[in-house]
Amino acid sequence: MEGIALLDLHNLLHLQRQLDARIKAEHGLAGQDLVPKKLLALQVELSELANETRCFKFWSKKPASELRVILEEYVDALHFVLSLALELGHTDLLLGEEYPKGDLTALFLELIAKSSQLAVTRSEADLTALLTTLLGLGAELGLSESAIEAAYFAKNEVNHQRQADGY
Protein backbone atom coordinates (compact mmCIF):
# COMPACT_ATOMS: atom_id res chain seq x y z
CA MET A 1 0.00 0.00 0.00
CA GLU A 2 2.96 2.33 0.51
CA GLY A 3 3.60 2.48 -3.24
CA ILE A 4 0.14 3.81 -3.97
CA ALA A 5 0.50 6.41 -1.23
CA LEU A 6 3.37 7.85 -3.28
CA LEU A 7 1.35 8.05 -6.50
CA ASP A 8 2.16 11.35 -8.23
CA LEU A 9 -1.36 12.78 -8.33
CA HIS A 10 -0.07 16.22 -9.35
CA ASN A 11 1.44 14.83 -12.56
CA LEU A 12 -1.59 12.65 -13.27
CA LEU A 13 -3.93 15.62 -12.76
CA HIS A 14 -1.81 17.66 -15.18
CA LEU A 15 -2.13 14.99 -17.86
CA GLN A 16 -5.84 14.60 -17.19
CA ARG A 17 -6.33 18.37 -17.42
CA GLN A 18 -4.78 18.36 -20.91
CA LEU A 19 -6.97 15.48 -22.08
CA ASP A 20 -10.13 17.00 -20.60
CA ALA A 21 -9.41 20.37 -22.23
CA ARG A 22 -8.91 18.68 -25.59
CA ILE A 23 -12.14 16.69 -25.28
CA LYS A 24 -14.12 19.79 -24.23
CA ALA A 25 -12.72 21.82 -27.13
CA GLU A 26 -13.13 19.13 -29.79
CA HIS A 27 -16.65 18.21 -28.70
CA GLY A 28 -17.95 21.71 -27.97
CA LEU A 29 -18.50 21.05 -24.28
CA ALA A 30 -17.24 24.31 -22.80
CA GLY A 31 -19.52 25.56 -20.04
CA GLN A 32 -21.45 22.29 -19.73
CA ASP A 33 -21.85 20.53 -16.41
CA LEU A 34 -20.21 17.18 -17.09
CA VAL A 35 -20.24 15.95 -13.49
CA PRO A 36 -23.30 13.66 -13.86
CA LYS A 37 -21.91 12.08 -17.05
CA LYS A 38 -18.47 11.62 -15.53
CA LEU A 39 -19.98 10.05 -12.42
CA LEU A 40 -21.99 7.58 -14.48
CA ALA A 41 -18.91 6.84 -16.60
CA LEU A 42 -16.97 6.19 -13.38
CA GLN A 43 -19.64 3.80 -12.10
CA VAL A 44 -19.60 1.94 -15.43
CA GLU A 45 -15.80 1.65 -15.26
CA LEU A 46 -15.97 0.43 -11.66
CA SER A 47 -18.50 -2.20 -12.73
CA GLU A 48 -16.25 -3.29 -15.59
CA LEU A 49 -13.36 -3.56 -13.13
CA ALA A 50 -15.46 -5.58 -10.69
CA ASN A 51 -16.44 -7.87 -13.53
CA GLU A 52 -12.77 -8.51 -14.37
CA THR A 53 -11.92 -9.30 -10.73
CA ARG A 54 -14.94 -11.61 -10.54
CA CYS A 55 -14.96 -10.91 -6.79
CA PHE A 56 -18.74 -11.06 -6.57
CA LYS A 57 -19.30 -14.10 -8.79
CA PHE A 58 -19.83 -16.65 -6.04
CA TRP A 59 -21.54 -18.98 -8.54
CA SER A 60 -18.52 -19.25 -10.81
CA LYS A 61 -15.21 -21.09 -10.57
CA LYS A 62 -13.59 -19.08 -13.35
CA PRO A 63 -10.62 -17.08 -12.01
CA ALA A 64 -10.14 -13.34 -12.21
CA SER A 65 -8.73 -11.85 -15.38
CA GLU A 66 -4.99 -11.36 -15.75
CA LEU A 67 -3.55 -8.53 -13.66
CA ARG A 68 -2.79 -6.45 -16.79
CA VAL A 69 -6.52 -6.48 -17.69
CA ILE A 70 -7.49 -5.55 -14.14
CA LEU A 71 -4.89 -2.76 -14.17
CA GLU A 72 -6.26 -1.36 -17.43
CA GLU A 73 -9.79 -1.24 -16.01
CA TYR A 74 -8.52 0.26 -12.76
CA VAL A 75 -6.78 3.06 -14.66
CA ASP A 76 -9.99 3.78 -16.57
CA ALA A 77 -11.70 4.40 -13.23
CA LEU A 78 -8.79 6.52 -12.03
CA HIS A 79 -9.06 8.67 -15.17
CA PHE A 80 -12.65 9.53 -14.29
CA VAL A 81 -11.94 10.26 -10.62
CA LEU A 82 -9.18 12.65 -11.65
CA SER A 83 -11.44 14.18 -14.30
CA LEU A 84 -14.10 14.71 -11.63
CA ALA A 85 -11.53 16.39 -9.38
CA LEU A 86 -10.76 18.81 -12.19
CA GLU A 87 -14.41 19.36 -13.10
CA LEU A 88 -15.26 20.13 -9.48
CA GLY A 89 -12.16 22.25 -8.88
CA HIS A 90 -10.85 19.98 -6.13
CA THR A 91 -7.23 19.52 -7.12
CA ASP A 92 -5.38 20.13 -3.83
CA LEU A 93 -6.25 16.73 -2.48
CA LEU A 94 -4.86 15.78 0.91
CA LEU A 95 -5.02 12.04 1.18
CA GLY A 96 -4.71 10.22 4.45
CA GLU A 97 -2.01 7.66 5.03
CA GLU A 98 -4.52 4.86 5.58
CA TYR A 99 -6.66 3.34 2.88
CA PRO A 100 -9.69 1.12 3.31
CA LYS A 101 -8.82 -2.56 3.29
CA GLY A 102 -10.76 -5.74 3.04
CA ASP A 103 -13.17 -7.58 0.88
CA LEU A 104 -13.13 -6.49 -2.77
CA THR A 105 -16.91 -6.68 -3.07
CA ALA A 106 -17.30 -4.37 -0.08
CA LEU A 107 -14.79 -1.92 -1.55
CA PHE A 108 -16.64 -1.85 -4.89
CA LEU A 109 -19.95 -1.22 -3.12
CA GLU A 110 -18.30 1.53 -1.09
CA LEU A 111 -16.96 3.14 -4.29
CA ILE A 112 -20.40 3.10 -5.89
CA ALA A 113 -21.92 4.61 -2.73
CA LYS A 114 -19.23 7.29 -2.48
CA SER A 115 -19.62 8.23 -6.14
CA SER A 116 -23.38 8.54 -5.63
CA GLN A 117 -22.78 10.71 -2.57
CA LEU A 118 -20.44 12.90 -4.61
CA ALA A 119 -23.22 13.40 -7.16
CA VAL A 120 -25.26 15.03 -4.40
CA THR A 121 -22.65 17.01 -2.48
CA ARG A 122 -19.90 17.68 -5.04
CA SER A 123 -17.70 18.30 -2.00
CA GLU A 124 -13.94 18.03 -1.75
CA ALA A 125 -14.32 15.77 1.28
CA ASP A 126 -16.46 13.30 -0.66
CA LEU A 127 -14.12 13.41 -3.66
CA THR A 128 -11.16 12.75 -1.38
CA ALA A 129 -13.02 9.84 0.24
CA LEU A 130 -13.78 8.42 -3.22
CA LEU A 131 -10.16 8.71 -4.35
CA THR A 132 -8.88 7.27 -1.07
CA THR A 133 -11.17 4.27 -1.44
CA LEU A 134 -10.08 3.79 -5.06
CA LEU A 135 -6.44 3.82 -3.98
CA GLY A 136 -7.29 1.31 -1.25
CA LEU A 137 -8.88 -0.91 -3.88
CA GLY A 138 -5.72 -0.64 -5.98
CA ALA A 139 -3.65 -1.75 -3.00
CA GLU A 140 -5.99 -4.68 -2.33
CA LEU A 141 -5.68 -5.66 -6.00
CA GLY A 142 -1.89 -5.72 -5.62
CA LEU A 143 -1.26 -2.80 -7.96
CA SER A 144 1.97 -0.87 -7.46
CA GLU A 145 2.54 2.83 -7.91
CA SER A 146 4.82 2.25 -10.88
CA ALA A 147 2.35 -0.10 -12.58
CA ILE A 148 -0.56 2.32 -12.07
CA GLU A 149 1.42 5.29 -13.37
CA ALA A 150 2.76 3.40 -16.40
CA ALA A 151 -0.73 2.16 -17.26
CA TYR A 152 -2.17 5.64 -16.74
CA PHE A 153 0.42 7.20 -19.08
CA ALA A 154 -0.24 4.53 -21.71
CA LYS A 155 -4.01 4.94 -21.51
CA ASN A 156 -3.68 8.73 -21.64
CA GLU A 157 -1.80 8.37 -24.94
CA VAL A 158 -4.50 6.00 -26.23
CA ASN A 159 -7.19 8.50 -25.25
CA HIS A 160 -5.40 11.31 -27.10
CA GLN A 161 -5.04 9.08 -30.15
CA ARG A 162 -8.74 8.23 -29.97
CA GLN A 163 -9.54 11.95 -30.05
CA ALA A 164 -7.26 12.37 -33.08
CA ASP A 165 -9.07 9.48 -34.77
CA GLY A 166 -12.52 10.95 -34.11
CA TYR A 167 -13.46 8.38 -31.45
C-alpha atoms as a PDB file:
ATOM      1  CA  MET A   1       0.000   0.000   0.000  1.00  0.00           C
ATOM      2  CA  GLU A   2       2.959   2.328   0.505  1.00  0.00           C
ATOM      3  CA  GLY A   3       3.597   2.479  -3.244  1.00  0.00           C
ATOM      4  CA  ILE A   4       0.145   3.807  -3.970  1.00  0.00           C
ATOM      5  CA  ALA A   5       0.504   6.412  -1.227  1.00  0.00           C
ATOM      6  CA  LEU A   6       3.367   7.848  -3.279  1.00  0.00           C
ATOM      7  CA  LEU A   7       1.349   8.047  -6.501  1.00  0.00           C
ATOM      8  CA  ASP A   8       2.163  11.347  -8.230  1.00  0.00           C
ATOM      9  CA  LEU A   9      -1.356  12.784  -8.331  1.00  0.00           C
ATOM     10  CA  HIS A  10      -0.065  16.218  -9.348  1.00  0.00           C
ATOM     11  CA  ASN A  11       1.435  14.832 -12.557  1.00  0.00           C
ATOM     12  CA  LEU A  12      -1.594  12.653 -13.266  1.00  0.00           C
ATOM     13  CA  LEU A  13      -3.931  15.618 -12.762  1.00  0.00           C
ATOM     14  CA  HIS A  14      -1.808  17.663 -15.175  1.00  0.00           C
ATOM     15  CA  LEU A  15      -2.130  14.993 -17.864  1.00  0.00           C
ATOM     16  CA  GLN A  16      -5.845  14.596 -17.191  1.00  0.00           C
ATOM     17  CA  ARG A  17      -6.332  18.371 -17.422  1.00  0.00           C
ATOM     18  CA  GLN A  18      -4.780  18.361 -20.910  1.00  0.00           C
ATOM     19  CA  LEU A  19      -6.966  15.483 -22.076  1.00  0.00           C
ATOM     20  CA  ASP A  20     -10.126  16.998 -20.599  1.00  0.00           C
ATOM     21  CA  ALA A  21      -9.408  20.369 -22.235  1.00  0.00           C
ATOM     22  CA  ARG A  22      -8.913  18.677 -25.591  1.00  0.00           C
ATOM     23  CA  ILE A  23     -12.137  16.694 -25.283  1.00  0.00           C
ATOM     24  CA  LYS A  24     -14.119  19.786 -24.234  1.00  0.00           C
ATOM     25  CA  ALA A  25     -12.720  21.821 -27.128  1.00  0.00           C
ATOM     26  CA  GLU A  26     -13.133  19.133 -29.788  1.00  0.00           C
ATOM     27  CA  HIS A  27     -16.652  18.205 -28.701  1.00  0.00           C
ATOM     28  CA  GLY A  28     -17.950  21.713 -27.972  1.00  0.00           C
ATOM     29  CA  LEU A  29     -18.500  21.050 -24.283  1.00  0.00           C
ATOM     30  CA  ALA A  30     -17.238  24.310 -22.802  1.00  0.00           C
ATOM     31  CA  GLY A  31     -19.524  25.559 -20.045  1.00  0.00           C
ATOM     32  CA  GLN A  32     -21.445  22.295 -19.735  1.00  0.00           C
ATOM     33  CA  ASP A  33     -21.851  20.534 -16.406  1.00  0.00           C
ATOM     34  CA  LEU A  34     -20.214  17.178 -17.094  1.00  0.00           C
ATOM     35  CA  VAL A  35     -20.240  15.951 -13.490  1.00  0.00           C
ATOM     36  CA  PRO A  36     -23.296  13.659 -13.863  1.00  0.00           C
ATOM     37  CA  LYS A  37     -21.914  12.075 -17.046  1.00  0.00           C
ATOM     38  CA  LYS A  38     -18.474  11.621 -15.533  1.00  0.00           C
ATOM     39  CA  LEU A  39     -19.975  10.045 -12.415  1.00  0.00           C
ATOM     40  CA  LEU A  40     -21.994   7.582 -14.479  1.00  0.00           C
ATOM     41  CA  ALA A  41     -18.910   6.841 -16.599  1.00  0.00           C
ATOM     42  CA  LEU A  42     -16.971   6.186 -13.379  1.00  0.00           C
ATOM     43  CA  GLN A  43     -19.642   3.802 -12.104  1.00  0.00           C
ATOM     44  CA  VAL A  44     -19.604   1.938 -15.429  1.00  0.00           C
ATOM     45  CA  GLU A  45     -15.802   1.649 -15.259  1.00  0.00           C
ATOM     46  CA  LEU A  46     -15.970   0.428 -11.658  1.00  0.00           C
ATOM     47  CA  SER A  47     -18.497  -2.199 -12.733  1.00  0.00           C
ATOM     48  CA  GLU A  48     -16.246  -3.290 -15.591  1.00  0.00           C
ATOM     49  CA  LEU A  49     -13.356  -3.559 -13.132  1.00  0.00           C
ATOM     50  CA  ALA A  50     -15.457  -5.575 -10.686  1.00  0.00           C
ATOM     51  CA  ASN A  51     -16.439  -7.872 -13.532  1.00  0.00           C
ATOM     52  CA  GLU A  52     -12.766  -8.510 -14.373  1.00  0.00           C
ATOM     53  CA  THR A  53     -11.924  -9.303 -10.734  1.00  0.00           C
ATOM     54  CA  ARG A  54     -14.942 -11.610 -10.536  1.00  0.00           C
ATOM     55  CA  CYS A  55     -14.961 -10.905  -6.786  1.00  0.00           C
ATOM     56  CA  PHE A  56     -18.744 -11.062  -6.568  1.00  0.00           C
ATOM     57  CA  LYS A  57     -19.298 -14.098  -8.789  1.00  0.00           C
ATOM     58  CA  PHE A  58     -19.831 -16.646  -6.045  1.00  0.00           C
ATOM     59  CA  TRP A  59     -21.537 -18.976  -8.535  1.00  0.00           C
ATOM     60  CA  SER A  60     -18.517 -19.251 -10.814  1.00  0.00           C
ATOM     61  CA  LYS A  61     -15.207 -21.089 -10.570  1.00  0.00           C
ATOM     62  CA  LYS A  62     -13.589 -19.082 -13.346  1.00  0.00           C
ATOM     63  CA  PRO A  63     -10.621 -17.079 -12.014  1.00  0.00           C
ATOM     64  CA  ALA A  64     -10.136 -13.344 -12.207  1.00  0.00           C
ATOM     65  CA  SER A  65      -8.727 -11.853 -15.380  1.00  0.00           C
ATOM     66  CA  GLU A  66      -4.991 -11.356 -15.754  1.00  0.00           C
ATOM     67  CA  LEU A  67      -3.545  -8.533 -13.664  1.00  0.00           C
ATOM     68  CA  ARG A  68      -2.790  -6.454 -16.793  1.00  0.00           C
ATOM     69  CA  VAL A  69      -6.520  -6.479 -17.695  1.00  0.00           C
ATOM     70  CA  ILE A  70      -7.487  -5.545 -14.141  1.00  0.00           C
ATOM     71  CA  LEU A  71      -4.887  -2.757 -14.172  1.00  0.00           C
ATOM     72  CA  GLU A  72      -6.262  -1.357 -17.428  1.00  0.00           C
ATOM     73  CA  GLU A  73      -9.793  -1.239 -16.010  1.00  0.00           C
ATOM     74  CA  TYR A  74      -8.517   0.262 -12.764  1.00  0.00           C
ATOM     75  CA  VAL A  75      -6.783   3.061 -14.662  1.00  0.00           C
ATOM     76  CA  ASP A  76      -9.992   3.781 -16.573  1.00  0.00           C
ATOM     77  CA  ALA A  77     -11.703   4.395 -13.232  1.00  0.00           C
ATOM     78  CA  LEU A  78      -8.786   6.517 -12.028  1.00  0.00           C
ATOM     79  CA  HIS A  79      -9.063   8.674 -15.170  1.00  0.00           C
ATOM     80  CA  PHE A  80     -12.655   9.529 -14.290  1.00  0.00           C
ATOM     81  CA  VAL A  81     -11.944  10.256 -10.620  1.00  0.00           C
ATOM     82  CA  LEU A  82      -9.180  12.650 -11.645  1.00  0.00           C
ATOM     83  CA  SER A  83     -11.435  14.176 -14.296  1.00  0.00           C
ATOM     84  CA  LEU A  84     -14.099  14.709 -11.628  1.00  0.00           C
ATOM     85  CA  ALA A  85     -11.526  16.393  -9.382  1.00  0.00           C
ATOM     86  CA  LEU A  86     -10.755  18.811 -12.193  1.00  0.00           C
ATOM     87  CA  GLU A  87     -14.408  19.358 -13.098  1.00  0.00           C
ATOM     88  CA  LEU A  88     -15.263  20.130  -9.479  1.00  0.00           C
ATOM     89  CA  GLY A  89     -12.158  22.251  -8.880  1.00  0.00           C
ATOM     90  CA  HIS A  90     -10.851  19.981  -6.131  1.00  0.00           C
ATOM     91  CA  THR A  91      -7.229  19.522  -7.120  1.00  0.00           C
ATOM     92  CA  ASP A  92      -5.381  20.130  -3.835  1.00  0.00           C
ATOM     93  CA  LEU A  93      -6.245  16.731  -2.481  1.00  0.00           C
ATOM     94  CA  LEU A  94      -4.857  15.782   0.908  1.00  0.00           C
ATOM     95  CA  LEU A  95      -5.023  12.040   1.185  1.00  0.00           C
ATOM     96  CA  GLY A  96      -4.706  10.216   4.453  1.00  0.00           C
ATOM     97  CA  GLU A  97      -2.012   7.658   5.029  1.00  0.00           C
ATOM     98  CA  GLU A  98      -4.516   4.865   5.579  1.00  0.00           C
ATOM     99  CA  TYR A  99      -6.664   3.340   2.883  1.00  0.00           C
ATOM    100  CA  PRO A 100      -9.689   1.122   3.306  1.00  0.00           C
ATOM    101  CA  LYS A 101      -8.820  -2.563   3.295  1.00  0.00           C
ATOM    102  CA  GLY A 102     -10.765  -5.739   3.040  1.00  0.00           C
ATOM    103  CA  ASP A 103     -13.166  -7.584   0.875  1.00  0.00           C
ATOM    104  CA  LEU A 104     -13.135  -6.489  -2.766  1.00  0.00           C
ATOM    105  CA  THR A 105     -16.911  -6.681  -3.065  1.00  0.00           C
ATOM    106  CA  ALA A 106     -17.304  -4.370  -0.075  1.00  0.00           C
ATOM    107  CA  LEU A 107     -14.790  -1.923  -1.555  1.00  0.00           C
ATOM    108  CA  PHE A 108     -16.643  -1.848  -4.892  1.00  0.00           C
ATOM    109  CA  LEU A 109     -19.947  -1.221  -3.121  1.00  0.00           C
ATOM    110  CA  GLU A 110     -18.296   1.534  -1.089  1.00  0.00           C
ATOM    111  CA  LEU A 111     -16.961   3.138  -4.287  1.00  0.00           C
ATOM    112  CA  ILE A 112     -20.404   3.100  -5.892  1.00  0.00           C
ATOM    113  CA  ALA A 113     -21.923   4.605  -2.731  1.00  0.00           C
ATOM    114  CA  LYS A 114     -19.235   7.285  -2.480  1.00  0.00           C
ATOM    115  CA  SER A 115     -19.618   8.231  -6.140  1.00  0.00           C
ATOM    116  CA  SER A 116     -23.382   8.537  -5.634  1.00  0.00           C
ATOM    117  CA  GLN A 117     -22.775  10.709  -2.567  1.00  0.00           C
ATOM    118  CA  LEU A 118     -20.435  12.903  -4.614  1.00  0.00           C
ATOM    119  CA  ALA A 119     -23.221  13.397  -7.157  1.00  0.00           C
ATOM    120  CA  VAL A 120     -25.259  15.033  -4.405  1.00  0.00           C
ATOM    121  CA  THR A 121     -22.654  17.009  -2.481  1.00  0.00           C
ATOM    122  CA  ARG A 122     -19.900  17.683  -5.041  1.00  0.00           C
ATOM    123  CA  SER A 123     -17.705  18.299  -1.999  1.00  0.00           C
ATOM    124  CA  GLU A 124     -13.940  18.030  -1.751  1.00  0.00           C
ATOM    125  CA  ALA A 125     -14.316  15.775   1.282  1.00  0.00           C
ATOM    126  CA  ASP A 126     -16.464  13.304  -0.662  1.00  0.00           C
ATOM    127  CA  LEU A 127     -14.123  13.415  -3.662  1.00  0.00           C
ATOM    128  CA  THR A 128     -11.161  12.749  -1.379  1.00  0.00           C
ATOM    129  CA  ALA A 129     -13.023   9.840   0.238  1.00  0.00           C
ATOM    130  CA  LEU A 130     -13.778   8.422  -3.218  1.00  0.00           C
ATOM    131  CA  LEU A 131     -10.163   8.706  -4.348  1.00  0.00           C
ATOM    132  CA  THR A 132      -8.878   7.269  -1.069  1.00  0.00           C
ATOM    133  CA  THR A 133     -11.169   4.269  -1.443  1.00  0.00           C
ATOM    134  CA  LEU A 134     -10.085   3.789  -5.061  1.00  0.00           C
ATOM    135  CA  LEU A 135      -6.442   3.825  -3.980  1.00  0.00           C
ATOM    136  CA  GLY A 136      -7.290   1.312  -1.255  1.00  0.00           C
ATOM    137  CA  LEU A 137      -8.877  -0.906  -3.878  1.00  0.00           C
ATOM    138  CA  GLY A 138      -5.723  -0.638  -5.975  1.00  0.00           C
ATOM    139  CA  ALA A 139      -3.655  -1.746  -3.003  1.00  0.00           C
ATOM    140  CA  GLU A 140      -5.988  -4.680  -2.335  1.00  0.00           C
ATOM    141  CA  LEU A 141      -5.684  -5.665  -6.000  1.00  0.00           C
ATOM    142  CA  GLY A 142      -1.893  -5.722  -5.617  1.00  0.00           C
ATOM    143  CA  LEU A 143      -1.256  -2.803  -7.964  1.00  0.00           C
ATOM    144  CA  SER A 144       1.972  -0.875  -7.462  1.00  0.00           C
ATOM    145  CA  GLU A 145       2.543   2.834  -7.912  1.00  0.00           C
ATOM    146  CA  SER A 146       4.820   2.250 -10.881  1.00  0.00           C
ATOM    147  CA  ALA A 147       2.349  -0.099 -12.579  1.00  0.00           C
ATOM    148  CA  ILE A 148      -0.556   2.324 -12.072  1.00  0.00           C
ATOM    149  CA  GLU A 149       1.417   5.291 -13.367  1.00  0.00           C
ATOM    150  CA  ALA A 150       2.762   3.403 -16.398  1.00  0.00           C
ATOM    151  CA  ALA A 151      -0.732   2.156 -17.256  1.00  0.00           C
ATOM    152  CA  TYR A 152      -2.168   5.645 -16.738  1.00  0.00           C
ATOM    153  CA  PHE A 153       0.417   7.204 -19.076  1.00  0.00           C
ATOM    154  CA  ALA A 154      -0.236   4.533 -21.709  1.00  0.00           C
ATOM    155  CA  LYS A 155      -4.009   4.943 -21.508  1.00  0.00           C
ATOM    156  CA  ASN A 156      -3.681   8.731 -21.642  1.00  0.00           C
ATOM    157  CA  GLU A 157      -1.804   8.371 -24.945  1.00  0.00           C
ATOM    158  CA  VAL A 158      -4.495   6.001 -26.227  1.00  0.00           C
ATOM    159  CA  ASN A 159      -7.187   8.503 -25.246  1.00  0.00           C
ATOM    160  CA  HIS A 160      -5.398  11.313 -27.098  1.00  0.00           C
ATOM    161  CA  GLN A 161      -5.042   9.077 -30.154  1.00  0.00           C
ATOM    162  CA  ARG A 162      -8.738   8.233 -29.969  1.00  0.00           C
ATOM    163  CA  GLN A 163      -9.541  11.946 -30.054  1.00  0.00           C
ATOM    164  CA  ALA A 164      -7.264  12.374 -33.075  1.00  0.00           C
ATOM    165  CA  ASP A 165      -9.066   9.475 -34.768  1.00  0.00           C
ATOM    166  CA  GLY A 166     -12.517  10.946 -34.115  1.00  0.00           C
ATOM    167  CA  TYR A 167     -13.465   8.383 -31.446  1.00  0.00           C
END
